[in-house]
C-alpha cells in the first residue's frame, strides 16, 4: 500500500462506504463511544475520519473537533453531512500530521492503522500530537499477540492489502516500540471474537517528587 494507491482505492469506495463498511461497524462504534466521556471543551482529533461515521456518535457542542483524512473523496462525504457544524475538516496524511506537538486531548483512530502504508509512523504521529494527559482511542482489526497467520491468510494478505487494508497487523508489535513512554489502559475484543479491538493508550507521566 502507498498513499497514492489508497487515494485511488477510497475514491472507488467512497460512494458505497456508508451503506457497506460504516453500517457493518455501527454497533461496535456505538459501544465504544457510549463508554467514553470527553471532558468539556476538549480538543479532539479524528485520524482517518473517512465519511464521518464516528462523528454522528458523539455530542459536538462542547468539543473542538478536527477531522483529517488522506482521501478528498471520503472527506467530502463527511463535510456534506457535518459541514454546518463547528468541525474543522482537513485533507492530511496521518503519517505526517501538520500539527504542533501536544495539540489534542483525545485522538480517535478508527480503522486507520490497518489502512495506512506505515502503521508505526501513524501511531508515532498520534503520540506526538497528544497532550500529556490525553488519550488515544483506537478501533481496528489486529491479530492477537500469539497468533501466527495461517497459510491461507498469508496468501490472502497481499491481495487484501491491495484492496486497501491489512489483515496481519499485530498491535503489540507496534506498541512495543513506544511502551517506555506510553501505557495501555484498555485492550479488549469489540467484534468478531477479538479480530476487532478497542484499545486506549496514554502517555506515561513522571510525577515530580516534592
N, C-alpha and C. Protein backbone atom coordinates (compact mmCIF):
# COMPACT_ATOMS: atom_id res chain seq x y z
N UNK A 1 0.84 -1.19 0.00
CA UNK A 1 0.00 0.00 0.00
C UNK A 1 0.88 1.24 0.00
N UNK A 2 0.43 2.29 -0.65
CA UNK A 2 1.06 3.60 -0.55
C UNK A 2 -0.05 4.65 -0.62
N UNK A 3 0.31 5.88 -0.35
CA UNK A 3 -0.71 6.93 -0.27
C UNK A 3 -1.43 7.12 -1.60
N UNK A 4 -0.69 7.05 -2.70
CA UNK A 4 -1.31 7.24 -3.99
C UNK A 4 -2.38 6.18 -4.24
N UNK A 5 -2.03 4.92 -3.95
CA UNK A 5 -2.98 3.83 -4.18
C UNK A 5 -4.17 3.93 -3.23
N UNK A 6 -3.91 4.31 -1.98
CA UNK A 6 -5.02 4.48 -1.03
C UNK A 6 -6.02 5.52 -1.51
N UNK A 7 -5.52 6.59 -2.10
CA UNK A 7 -6.44 7.61 -2.63
C UNK A 7 -7.30 7.03 -3.74
N UNK A 8 -6.70 6.20 -4.58
CA UNK A 8 -7.45 5.56 -5.67
C UNK A 8 -8.51 4.62 -5.11
N UNK A 9 -8.09 3.77 -4.16
CA UNK A 9 -8.99 2.77 -3.58
C UNK A 9 -10.19 3.45 -2.91
N UNK A 10 -9.93 4.49 -2.11
CA UNK A 10 -11.02 5.11 -1.36
C UNK A 10 -11.84 6.08 -2.20
N UNK A 11 -11.33 6.44 -3.35
CA UNK A 11 -12.16 7.15 -4.32
C UNK A 11 -13.23 6.18 -4.85
N UNK A 12 -12.82 4.92 -5.05
CA UNK A 12 -13.75 3.89 -5.50
C UNK A 12 -14.76 3.54 -4.42
N UNK A 13 -14.27 3.42 -3.17
CA UNK A 13 -15.14 3.01 -2.06
C UNK A 13 -16.10 4.11 -1.61
N UNK A 14 -15.72 5.37 -1.78
CA UNK A 14 -16.46 6.47 -1.17
C UNK A 14 -17.97 6.50 -1.48
N UNK A 15 -18.43 6.19 -2.70
CA UNK A 15 -19.87 6.25 -2.96
C UNK A 15 -20.69 5.21 -2.20
N UNK A 16 -20.06 4.09 -1.84
CA UNK A 16 -20.81 2.99 -1.20
C UNK A 16 -20.36 2.72 0.23
N UNK A 17 -19.41 3.51 0.73
CA UNK A 17 -18.81 3.20 2.03
C UNK A 17 -19.83 3.21 3.17
N UNK A 18 -20.70 4.21 3.19
CA UNK A 18 -21.66 4.33 4.29
C UNK A 18 -22.63 3.16 4.34
N UNK A 19 -23.02 2.67 3.17
CA UNK A 19 -24.01 1.59 3.13
C UNK A 19 -23.39 0.21 3.33
N UNK A 20 -22.08 0.14 3.28
CA UNK A 20 -21.40 -1.15 3.44
C UNK A 20 -20.60 -1.18 4.74
N UNK A 21 -19.40 -0.61 4.71
CA UNK A 21 -18.50 -0.71 5.86
C UNK A 21 -19.00 0.05 7.08
N UNK A 22 -19.49 1.26 6.91
CA UNK A 22 -19.99 2.02 8.07
C UNK A 22 -21.13 1.29 8.75
N UNK A 23 -22.03 0.74 7.96
CA UNK A 23 -23.16 0.00 8.52
C UNK A 23 -22.68 -1.25 9.25
N UNK A 24 -21.68 -1.92 8.70
CA UNK A 24 -21.15 -3.14 9.30
C UNK A 24 -20.58 -2.90 10.69
N UNK A 25 -19.93 -1.74 10.88
CA UNK A 25 -19.23 -1.47 12.13
C UNK A 25 -20.02 -0.55 13.07
N UNK A 26 -21.25 -0.22 12.73
CA UNK A 26 -22.01 0.76 13.51
C UNK A 26 -22.18 0.34 14.97
N UNK A 27 -22.58 -0.90 15.20
CA UNK A 27 -22.81 -1.37 16.57
C UNK A 27 -21.54 -1.30 17.39
N UNK A 28 -20.41 -1.71 16.80
CA UNK A 28 -19.14 -1.68 17.52
C UNK A 28 -18.73 -0.24 17.83
N UNK A 29 -18.88 0.64 16.87
CA UNK A 29 -18.53 2.06 17.09
C UNK A 29 -19.39 2.66 18.19
N UNK A 30 -20.68 2.35 18.18
CA UNK A 30 -21.59 2.88 19.21
C UNK A 30 -21.13 2.45 20.59
N UNK A 31 -20.79 1.18 20.74
CA UNK A 31 -20.39 0.67 22.06
C UNK A 31 -19.13 1.36 22.55
N UNK A 32 -18.25 1.72 21.65
CA UNK A 32 -17.01 2.40 22.04
C UNK A 32 -17.30 3.80 22.56
N UNK A 33 -18.08 4.57 21.81
CA UNK A 33 -18.30 5.97 22.19
C UNK A 33 -19.29 6.13 23.33
N UNK A 34 -20.14 5.13 23.56
CA UNK A 34 -21.03 5.17 24.72
C UNK A 34 -20.23 5.11 26.02
N UNK A 35 -19.05 4.53 25.96
CA UNK A 35 -18.23 4.34 27.16
C UNK A 35 -17.24 5.48 27.41
N UNK A 36 -17.19 6.43 26.51
CA UNK A 36 -16.19 7.50 26.61
C UNK A 36 -16.87 8.83 26.93
N UNK A 37 -16.36 9.49 27.94
CA UNK A 37 -16.87 10.82 28.30
C UNK A 37 -15.78 11.84 28.02
N UNK A 38 -15.93 12.57 26.93
CA UNK A 38 -14.98 13.63 26.61
C UNK A 38 -15.22 14.80 27.56
N UNK A 39 -14.16 15.36 28.11
CA UNK A 39 -14.37 16.49 29.01
C UNK A 39 -14.72 17.74 28.22
N UNK A 40 -15.39 18.68 28.87
CA UNK A 40 -15.85 19.90 28.22
C UNK A 40 -14.70 20.65 27.56
N UNK A 41 -14.97 21.18 26.37
CA UNK A 41 -14.01 22.00 25.62
C UNK A 41 -12.75 21.23 25.21
N UNK A 42 -12.85 19.92 25.20
CA UNK A 42 -11.71 19.10 24.79
C UNK A 42 -11.41 19.29 23.31
N UNK A 43 -10.13 19.22 22.99
CA UNK A 43 -9.70 19.24 21.59
C UNK A 43 -9.57 17.78 21.14
N UNK A 44 -10.38 17.41 20.14
CA UNK A 44 -10.45 16.02 19.70
C UNK A 44 -10.04 15.93 18.24
N UNK A 45 -9.12 15.01 17.95
CA UNK A 45 -8.67 14.78 16.58
C UNK A 45 -9.14 13.41 16.10
N UNK A 46 -9.85 13.39 14.98
CA UNK A 46 -10.23 12.14 14.33
C UNK A 46 -9.27 11.89 13.17
N UNK A 47 -8.50 10.83 13.28
CA UNK A 47 -7.49 10.49 12.28
C UNK A 47 -8.08 9.47 11.31
N UNK A 48 -8.08 9.80 10.03
CA UNK A 48 -8.72 8.92 9.06
C UNK A 48 -10.22 8.90 9.28
N UNK A 49 -10.83 10.08 9.29
CA UNK A 49 -12.25 10.20 9.64
C UNK A 49 -13.15 9.59 8.58
N UNK A 50 -12.64 9.40 7.37
CA UNK A 50 -13.45 8.80 6.31
C UNK A 50 -14.69 9.63 6.00
N UNK A 51 -15.84 8.97 5.96
CA UNK A 51 -17.09 9.67 5.67
C UNK A 51 -17.75 10.21 6.94
N UNK A 52 -17.05 10.13 8.07
CA UNK A 52 -17.55 10.72 9.31
C UNK A 52 -18.43 9.81 10.14
N UNK A 53 -18.25 8.50 10.01
CA UNK A 53 -19.11 7.56 10.74
C UNK A 53 -19.04 7.75 12.26
N UNK A 54 -17.86 8.12 12.76
CA UNK A 54 -17.72 8.32 14.21
C UNK A 54 -18.37 9.61 14.69
N UNK A 55 -18.42 10.61 13.83
CA UNK A 55 -18.87 11.94 14.24
C UNK A 55 -20.33 11.96 14.67
N UNK A 56 -21.13 11.09 14.08
CA UNK A 56 -22.55 11.08 14.43
C UNK A 56 -22.81 10.43 15.78
N UNK A 57 -21.79 9.83 16.37
CA UNK A 57 -21.98 9.07 17.61
C UNK A 57 -21.57 9.85 18.85
N UNK A 58 -21.11 11.09 18.69
CA UNK A 58 -20.71 11.89 19.84
C UNK A 58 -21.42 13.23 19.83
N UNK A 59 -21.51 13.84 20.99
CA UNK A 59 -22.08 15.18 21.10
C UNK A 59 -20.97 16.19 20.80
N UNK A 60 -21.26 17.15 19.94
CA UNK A 60 -20.24 18.07 19.46
C UNK A 60 -20.22 19.41 20.17
N UNK A 61 -21.25 19.73 20.92
CA UNK A 61 -21.46 21.10 21.39
C UNK A 61 -20.28 21.67 22.17
N UNK A 62 -19.69 20.86 23.04
CA UNK A 62 -18.64 21.38 23.90
C UNK A 62 -17.25 20.90 23.49
N UNK A 63 -17.11 20.43 22.26
CA UNK A 63 -15.84 19.89 21.80
C UNK A 63 -15.29 20.71 20.64
N UNK A 64 -13.98 20.81 20.58
CA UNK A 64 -13.31 21.43 19.45
C UNK A 64 -12.76 20.29 18.59
N UNK A 65 -13.44 19.99 17.49
CA UNK A 65 -13.15 18.79 16.72
C UNK A 65 -12.40 19.13 15.43
N UNK A 66 -11.32 18.37 15.20
CA UNK A 66 -10.60 18.41 13.94
C UNK A 66 -10.64 17.01 13.35
N UNK A 67 -10.93 16.92 12.05
CA UNK A 67 -11.04 15.62 11.39
C UNK A 67 -10.19 15.61 10.14
N UNK A 68 -9.30 14.63 10.04
CA UNK A 68 -8.41 14.57 8.87
C UNK A 68 -8.59 13.26 8.12
N UNK A 69 -8.31 13.32 6.83
CA UNK A 69 -8.30 12.11 6.01
C UNK A 69 -7.45 12.37 4.77
N UNK A 70 -6.80 11.32 4.29
CA UNK A 70 -5.99 11.44 3.10
C UNK A 70 -6.84 11.54 1.85
N UNK A 71 -8.02 10.89 1.88
CA UNK A 71 -8.88 10.83 0.71
C UNK A 71 -9.82 12.04 0.64
N UNK A 72 -9.63 12.86 -0.38
CA UNK A 72 -10.51 14.01 -0.57
C UNK A 72 -11.94 13.58 -0.82
N UNK A 73 -12.12 12.44 -1.48
CA UNK A 73 -13.46 11.96 -1.79
C UNK A 73 -14.21 11.52 -0.54
N UNK A 74 -13.52 10.83 0.36
CA UNK A 74 -14.15 10.43 1.62
C UNK A 74 -14.44 11.66 2.47
N UNK A 75 -13.50 12.59 2.50
CA UNK A 75 -13.65 13.80 3.30
C UNK A 75 -14.84 14.63 2.83
N UNK A 76 -15.04 14.69 1.54
CA UNK A 76 -16.18 15.44 1.00
C UNK A 76 -17.50 14.88 1.50
N UNK A 77 -17.58 13.56 1.61
CA UNK A 77 -18.79 12.92 2.13
C UNK A 77 -19.04 13.36 3.57
N UNK A 78 -17.99 13.40 4.37
CA UNK A 78 -18.13 13.83 5.76
C UNK A 78 -18.53 15.30 5.84
N UNK A 79 -17.95 16.13 5.00
CA UNK A 79 -18.24 17.55 5.03
C UNK A 79 -19.68 17.86 4.62
N UNK A 80 -20.21 17.08 3.70
CA UNK A 80 -21.61 17.26 3.30
C UNK A 80 -22.52 16.98 4.49
N UNK A 81 -22.19 15.95 5.27
CA UNK A 81 -23.02 15.55 6.41
C UNK A 81 -22.86 16.48 7.61
N UNK A 82 -21.66 16.99 7.82
CA UNK A 82 -21.39 17.72 9.07
C UNK A 82 -20.78 19.10 8.84
N UNK A 83 -20.81 19.58 7.61
CA UNK A 83 -20.18 20.85 7.30
C UNK A 83 -20.80 22.05 7.97
N UNK A 84 -22.05 21.92 8.45
CA UNK A 84 -22.71 23.05 9.10
C UNK A 84 -22.40 23.10 10.59
N UNK A 85 -21.59 22.17 11.07
CA UNK A 85 -21.23 22.16 12.49
C UNK A 85 -19.80 22.67 12.65
N UNK A 86 -19.43 22.93 13.87
CA UNK A 86 -18.11 23.53 14.12
C UNK A 86 -17.03 22.44 14.14
N UNK A 87 -16.82 21.83 12.99
CA UNK A 87 -15.80 20.80 12.83
C UNK A 87 -14.84 21.27 11.75
N UNK A 88 -13.55 21.18 12.03
CA UNK A 88 -12.53 21.54 11.04
C UNK A 88 -12.12 20.29 10.27
N UNK A 89 -12.38 20.27 8.97
CA UNK A 89 -12.00 19.14 8.12
C UNK A 89 -10.74 19.50 7.33
N UNK A 90 -9.77 18.58 7.34
CA UNK A 90 -8.51 18.83 6.65
C UNK A 90 -8.07 17.59 5.88
N UNK A 91 -7.66 17.79 4.64
CA UNK A 91 -7.06 16.70 3.87
C UNK A 91 -5.60 16.60 4.29
N UNK A 92 -5.24 15.47 4.89
CA UNK A 92 -3.92 15.37 5.50
C UNK A 92 -3.48 13.92 5.62
N UNK A 93 -2.18 13.70 5.50
CA UNK A 93 -1.57 12.38 5.67
C UNK A 93 -1.40 12.10 7.16
N UNK A 94 -1.99 11.02 7.63
CA UNK A 94 -1.91 10.66 9.05
C UNK A 94 -0.50 10.31 9.48
N UNK A 95 0.37 10.01 8.54
CA UNK A 95 1.76 9.66 8.86
C UNK A 95 2.65 10.89 8.99
N UNK A 96 2.12 12.03 8.55
CA UNK A 96 2.89 13.29 8.61
C UNK A 96 1.90 14.42 8.90
N UNK A 97 1.46 14.50 10.14
CA UNK A 97 0.44 15.48 10.50
C UNK A 97 1.03 16.88 10.64
N UNK A 98 0.26 17.85 10.22
CA UNK A 98 0.71 19.24 10.23
C UNK A 98 0.21 19.96 11.48
N UNK A 99 0.44 19.34 12.63
CA UNK A 99 0.03 19.93 13.91
C UNK A 99 1.25 20.04 14.82
N UNK A 100 1.18 20.96 15.76
CA UNK A 100 2.24 21.08 16.76
C UNK A 100 2.20 19.90 17.72
N UNK A 101 3.30 19.68 18.40
CA UNK A 101 3.34 18.66 19.45
C UNK A 101 2.29 18.97 20.52
N UNK A 102 1.71 17.93 21.07
CA UNK A 102 0.77 18.02 22.19
C UNK A 102 -0.35 19.02 21.91
N UNK A 103 -1.07 18.78 20.82
CA UNK A 103 -2.15 19.69 20.41
C UNK A 103 -3.53 19.22 20.83
N UNK A 104 -3.71 17.92 21.12
CA UNK A 104 -5.05 17.38 21.30
C UNK A 104 -5.20 16.60 22.61
N UNK A 105 -6.41 16.73 23.19
CA UNK A 105 -6.73 15.99 24.42
C UNK A 105 -7.10 14.54 24.13
N UNK A 106 -7.76 14.31 23.01
CA UNK A 106 -8.16 12.97 22.60
C UNK A 106 -7.85 12.79 21.12
N UNK A 107 -7.40 11.61 20.79
CA UNK A 107 -7.19 11.27 19.38
C UNK A 107 -7.91 9.96 19.10
N UNK A 108 -8.76 9.98 18.08
CA UNK A 108 -9.54 8.80 17.71
C UNK A 108 -9.03 8.27 16.38
N UNK A 109 -8.64 7.00 16.37
CA UNK A 109 -8.19 6.36 15.14
C UNK A 109 -9.02 5.12 14.88
N UNK A 110 -10.04 5.24 14.05
CA UNK A 110 -10.90 4.10 13.73
C UNK A 110 -10.53 3.54 12.36
N UNK A 111 -10.12 2.29 12.35
CA UNK A 111 -9.82 1.58 11.10
C UNK A 111 -8.83 2.38 10.25
N UNK A 112 -7.81 2.92 10.89
CA UNK A 112 -6.81 3.69 10.16
C UNK A 112 -5.43 3.04 10.20
N UNK A 113 -5.04 2.43 11.32
CA UNK A 113 -3.72 1.82 11.41
C UNK A 113 -3.58 0.65 10.42
N UNK A 114 -4.67 -0.03 10.16
CA UNK A 114 -4.64 -1.16 9.23
C UNK A 114 -4.70 -0.72 7.78
N UNK A 115 -4.83 0.57 7.55
CA UNK A 115 -5.00 1.11 6.20
C UNK A 115 -3.78 1.88 5.72
N UNK A 116 -3.14 2.63 6.60
CA UNK A 116 -2.02 3.47 6.19
C UNK A 116 -0.83 2.60 5.76
N UNK A 117 0.03 3.12 4.88
CA UNK A 117 1.20 2.34 4.45
C UNK A 117 2.12 1.95 5.59
N UNK A 118 2.30 2.85 6.58
CA UNK A 118 3.20 2.58 7.70
C UNK A 118 2.45 2.84 9.01
N UNK A 119 1.98 1.77 9.63
CA UNK A 119 1.18 1.91 10.85
C UNK A 119 1.99 2.51 11.99
N UNK A 120 3.28 2.20 12.05
CA UNK A 120 4.09 2.73 13.14
C UNK A 120 4.27 4.24 13.01
N UNK A 121 4.46 4.73 11.79
CA UNK A 121 4.57 6.18 11.60
C UNK A 121 3.29 6.88 12.01
N UNK A 122 2.16 6.26 11.67
CA UNK A 122 0.87 6.85 12.03
C UNK A 122 0.70 6.89 13.55
N UNK A 123 0.99 5.78 14.22
CA UNK A 123 0.88 5.74 15.68
C UNK A 123 1.84 6.74 16.32
N UNK A 124 3.04 6.82 15.80
CA UNK A 124 4.03 7.76 16.34
C UNK A 124 3.54 9.20 16.23
N UNK A 125 2.88 9.53 15.12
CA UNK A 125 2.34 10.87 14.94
C UNK A 125 1.18 11.12 15.91
N UNK A 126 0.33 10.13 16.12
CA UNK A 126 -0.74 10.27 17.10
C UNK A 126 -0.16 10.59 18.47
N UNK A 127 0.89 9.87 18.84
CA UNK A 127 1.52 10.08 20.14
C UNK A 127 2.13 11.48 20.22
N UNK A 128 2.75 11.91 19.15
CA UNK A 128 3.41 13.22 19.13
C UNK A 128 2.43 14.36 19.36
N UNK A 129 1.25 14.29 18.74
CA UNK A 129 0.31 15.41 18.84
C UNK A 129 -0.65 15.27 20.03
N UNK A 130 -0.47 14.23 20.83
CA UNK A 130 -1.31 14.02 22.01
C UNK A 130 -0.77 14.79 23.21
N UNK A 131 -1.66 15.45 23.92
CA UNK A 131 -1.26 16.17 25.14
C UNK A 131 -0.83 15.18 26.22
N UNK A 132 -0.12 15.70 27.19
CA UNK A 132 0.42 14.85 28.24
C UNK A 132 -0.61 14.03 28.99
N UNK A 133 -1.78 14.62 29.24
CA UNK A 133 -2.83 13.93 29.99
C UNK A 133 -3.87 13.31 29.05
N UNK A 134 -3.59 13.32 27.76
CA UNK A 134 -4.58 12.88 26.79
C UNK A 134 -4.67 11.37 26.61
N UNK A 135 -5.60 10.96 25.73
CA UNK A 135 -5.82 9.54 25.46
C UNK A 135 -5.96 9.33 23.96
N UNK A 136 -5.43 8.19 23.49
CA UNK A 136 -5.61 7.76 22.12
C UNK A 136 -6.59 6.59 22.13
N UNK A 137 -7.66 6.71 21.37
CA UNK A 137 -8.72 5.70 21.31
C UNK A 137 -8.65 5.04 19.93
N UNK A 138 -8.42 3.74 19.91
CA UNK A 138 -8.22 3.01 18.66
C UNK A 138 -9.29 1.94 18.51
N UNK A 139 -9.88 1.89 17.33
CA UNK A 139 -10.76 0.78 16.94
C UNK A 139 -10.23 0.26 15.62
N UNK A 140 -9.80 -1.00 15.62
CA UNK A 140 -9.20 -1.52 14.39
C UNK A 140 -9.10 -3.05 14.49
N UNK A 141 -8.67 -3.64 13.38
CA UNK A 141 -8.51 -5.09 13.34
C UNK A 141 -7.04 -5.44 13.50
N UNK A 142 -6.79 -6.38 14.40
CA UNK A 142 -5.43 -6.84 14.68
C UNK A 142 -5.45 -8.34 14.90
N UNK A 143 -4.34 -8.99 14.58
CA UNK A 143 -4.20 -10.38 15.01
C UNK A 143 -3.74 -10.36 16.47
N UNK A 144 -4.03 -11.44 17.19
CA UNK A 144 -3.67 -11.49 18.60
C UNK A 144 -2.16 -11.61 18.76
N UNK A 145 -1.67 -11.32 19.96
CA UNK A 145 -0.23 -11.28 20.17
C UNK A 145 0.44 -12.64 19.97
N UNK A 146 -0.32 -13.73 20.12
CA UNK A 146 0.25 -15.07 19.97
C UNK A 146 -0.13 -15.74 18.65
N UNK A 147 -0.92 -15.04 17.85
CA UNK A 147 -1.42 -15.67 16.62
C UNK A 147 -0.36 -15.67 15.52
N UNK A 148 -0.31 -16.79 14.82
CA UNK A 148 0.51 -16.88 13.63
C UNK A 148 -0.43 -16.99 12.44
N UNK A 149 -0.15 -16.25 11.41
CA UNK A 149 -1.02 -16.27 10.25
C UNK A 149 -1.01 -17.64 9.59
N UNK A 150 -2.20 -18.14 9.32
CA UNK A 150 -2.32 -19.40 8.60
C UNK A 150 -1.85 -19.21 7.16
N UNK A 151 -1.58 -20.30 6.48
CA UNK A 151 -1.15 -20.22 5.09
C UNK A 151 -2.16 -19.49 4.21
N UNK A 152 -3.48 -19.81 4.34
CA UNK A 152 -4.45 -19.07 3.52
C UNK A 152 -4.41 -17.56 3.77
N UNK A 153 -4.27 -17.15 5.05
CA UNK A 153 -4.20 -15.73 5.36
C UNK A 153 -2.92 -15.09 4.81
N UNK A 154 -1.83 -15.85 4.86
CA UNK A 154 -0.58 -15.33 4.30
C UNK A 154 -0.72 -15.08 2.81
N UNK A 155 -1.43 -15.99 2.14
CA UNK A 155 -1.62 -15.85 0.70
C UNK A 155 -2.60 -14.72 0.38
N UNK A 156 -3.61 -14.57 1.26
CA UNK A 156 -4.62 -13.53 1.02
C UNK A 156 -4.14 -12.13 1.41
N UNK A 157 -3.20 -12.06 2.34
CA UNK A 157 -2.80 -10.76 2.90
C UNK A 157 -2.38 -9.75 1.84
N UNK A 158 -1.48 -10.08 0.90
CA UNK A 158 -1.11 -9.07 -0.10
C UNK A 158 -2.26 -8.68 -1.02
N UNK A 159 -3.18 -9.62 -1.26
CA UNK A 159 -4.33 -9.31 -2.11
C UNK A 159 -5.25 -8.32 -1.40
N UNK A 160 -5.51 -8.58 -0.10
CA UNK A 160 -6.39 -7.71 0.67
C UNK A 160 -5.73 -6.35 0.90
N UNK A 161 -4.41 -6.34 1.08
CA UNK A 161 -3.70 -5.06 1.19
C UNK A 161 -3.86 -4.24 -0.09
N UNK A 162 -3.86 -4.94 -1.21
CA UNK A 162 -4.06 -4.27 -2.50
C UNK A 162 -5.43 -3.59 -2.55
N UNK A 163 -6.40 -4.16 -1.82
CA UNK A 163 -7.76 -3.60 -1.79
C UNK A 163 -7.92 -2.53 -0.72
N UNK A 164 -6.83 -2.30 0.05
CA UNK A 164 -6.85 -1.14 0.95
C UNK A 164 -6.77 -1.40 2.43
N UNK A 165 -6.47 -2.64 2.87
CA UNK A 165 -6.38 -2.87 4.31
C UNK A 165 -5.48 -4.06 4.59
N UNK A 166 -5.02 -4.17 5.83
CA UNK A 166 -4.08 -5.21 6.24
C UNK A 166 -4.74 -6.14 7.26
N UNK A 167 -4.68 -7.44 7.02
CA UNK A 167 -5.29 -8.41 7.94
C UNK A 167 -4.25 -9.07 8.84
N UNK A 168 -3.00 -8.61 8.76
CA UNK A 168 -1.95 -9.27 9.54
C UNK A 168 -1.23 -8.36 10.51
N UNK A 169 -1.86 -7.25 10.89
CA UNK A 169 -1.22 -6.29 11.78
C UNK A 169 -1.37 -6.73 13.23
N UNK A 170 -0.27 -6.66 13.98
CA UNK A 170 -0.29 -7.02 15.40
C UNK A 170 -0.02 -5.76 16.22
N UNK A 171 -1.00 -5.34 17.02
CA UNK A 171 -0.84 -4.08 17.75
C UNK A 171 0.29 -4.17 18.75
N UNK A 172 0.47 -5.30 19.37
CA UNK A 172 1.52 -5.44 20.38
C UNK A 172 2.90 -5.13 19.79
N UNK A 173 3.10 -5.48 18.52
CA UNK A 173 4.37 -5.18 17.87
C UNK A 173 4.55 -3.66 17.70
N UNK A 174 3.47 -2.98 17.36
CA UNK A 174 3.53 -1.52 17.25
C UNK A 174 3.79 -0.88 18.60
N UNK A 175 3.03 -1.33 19.59
CA UNK A 175 3.08 -0.70 20.91
C UNK A 175 4.43 -0.92 21.58
N UNK A 176 5.09 -2.04 21.31
CA UNK A 176 6.36 -2.36 21.96
C UNK A 176 7.42 -1.30 21.68
N UNK A 177 7.28 -0.57 20.57
CA UNK A 177 8.25 0.46 20.22
C UNK A 177 8.04 1.74 21.04
N UNK A 178 6.90 1.83 21.72
CA UNK A 178 6.55 3.07 22.40
C UNK A 178 6.21 2.86 23.89
N UNK A 179 6.33 1.63 24.37
CA UNK A 179 5.83 1.35 25.72
C UNK A 179 6.65 2.01 26.83
N UNK A 180 7.84 2.49 26.52
CA UNK A 180 8.60 3.23 27.53
C UNK A 180 7.91 4.56 27.85
N UNK A 181 7.25 5.12 26.85
CA UNK A 181 6.61 6.43 27.02
C UNK A 181 5.10 6.36 27.07
N UNK A 182 4.54 5.18 26.76
CA UNK A 182 3.09 5.03 26.70
C UNK A 182 2.64 3.88 27.59
N UNK A 183 1.40 3.93 28.04
CA UNK A 183 0.83 2.83 28.81
C UNK A 183 -0.51 2.41 28.21
N UNK A 184 -0.82 1.14 28.35
CA UNK A 184 -2.05 0.58 27.83
C UNK A 184 -3.12 0.66 28.92
N UNK A 185 -4.20 1.37 28.63
CA UNK A 185 -5.28 1.48 29.60
C UNK A 185 -6.38 0.46 29.34
N UNK A 186 -6.56 0.11 28.08
CA UNK A 186 -7.60 -0.85 27.72
C UNK A 186 -7.22 -1.54 26.41
N UNK A 187 -7.49 -2.83 26.34
CA UNK A 187 -7.22 -3.60 25.13
C UNK A 187 -8.16 -4.80 25.16
N UNK A 188 -9.28 -4.70 24.45
CA UNK A 188 -10.25 -5.78 24.53
C UNK A 188 -11.00 -5.99 23.22
N UNK A 189 -11.54 -7.18 23.11
CA UNK A 189 -12.32 -7.54 21.93
C UNK A 189 -13.58 -6.71 21.85
N UNK A 190 -13.91 -6.27 20.66
CA UNK A 190 -15.13 -5.49 20.47
C UNK A 190 -16.00 -6.10 19.37
N UNK A 191 -15.40 -7.02 18.56
CA UNK A 191 -16.15 -7.54 17.42
C UNK A 191 -15.42 -8.74 16.82
N UNK A 192 -16.18 -9.72 16.34
CA UNK A 192 -15.66 -10.89 15.61
C UNK A 192 -14.58 -11.64 16.40
N UNK A 193 -14.92 -11.96 17.66
CA UNK A 193 -14.04 -12.78 18.50
C UNK A 193 -12.62 -12.25 18.63
N UNK A 194 -12.51 -10.95 18.75
CA UNK A 194 -11.21 -10.36 19.02
C UNK A 194 -10.47 -9.86 17.80
N UNK A 195 -11.00 -10.11 16.63
CA UNK A 195 -10.34 -9.59 15.43
C UNK A 195 -10.36 -8.06 15.44
N UNK A 196 -11.48 -7.50 15.89
CA UNK A 196 -11.60 -6.04 16.02
C UNK A 196 -11.54 -5.69 17.50
N UNK A 197 -10.70 -4.74 17.84
CA UNK A 197 -10.47 -4.44 19.24
C UNK A 197 -10.58 -2.94 19.54
N UNK A 198 -10.93 -2.68 20.78
CA UNK A 198 -10.91 -1.32 21.31
C UNK A 198 -9.66 -1.20 22.17
N UNK A 199 -8.85 -0.20 21.87
CA UNK A 199 -7.59 0.00 22.59
C UNK A 199 -7.50 1.46 23.01
N UNK A 200 -7.14 1.68 24.26
CA UNK A 200 -6.90 3.05 24.74
C UNK A 200 -5.50 3.10 25.32
N UNK A 201 -4.71 4.05 24.85
CA UNK A 201 -3.37 4.23 25.40
C UNK A 201 -3.19 5.69 25.80
N UNK A 202 -2.27 5.91 26.73
CA UNK A 202 -1.98 7.27 27.19
C UNK A 202 -0.50 7.38 27.50
N UNK A 203 -0.05 8.61 27.73
CA UNK A 203 1.37 8.84 27.98
C UNK A 203 1.71 8.54 29.44
N UNK A 204 2.90 8.00 29.63
CA UNK A 204 3.41 7.85 30.99
C UNK A 204 3.93 9.21 31.45
N UNK A 205 3.45 9.66 32.56
CA UNK A 205 3.83 10.97 33.06
C UNK A 205 4.60 10.80 34.35
N UNK A 206 5.82 11.31 34.37
CA UNK A 206 6.64 11.22 35.58
C UNK A 206 6.20 12.30 36.55
N UNK A 207 5.88 11.87 37.74
CA UNK A 207 5.47 12.81 38.78
C UNK A 207 6.70 13.34 39.53
N UNK A 208 6.77 14.63 39.66
CA UNK A 208 7.90 15.23 40.35
C UNK A 208 7.69 15.12 41.86
N UNK A 209 8.66 14.53 42.53
CA UNK A 209 8.56 14.38 43.98
C UNK A 209 8.89 15.70 44.66
N UNK A 210 8.08 16.02 45.66
CA UNK A 210 8.31 17.27 46.39
C UNK A 210 8.65 16.96 47.84
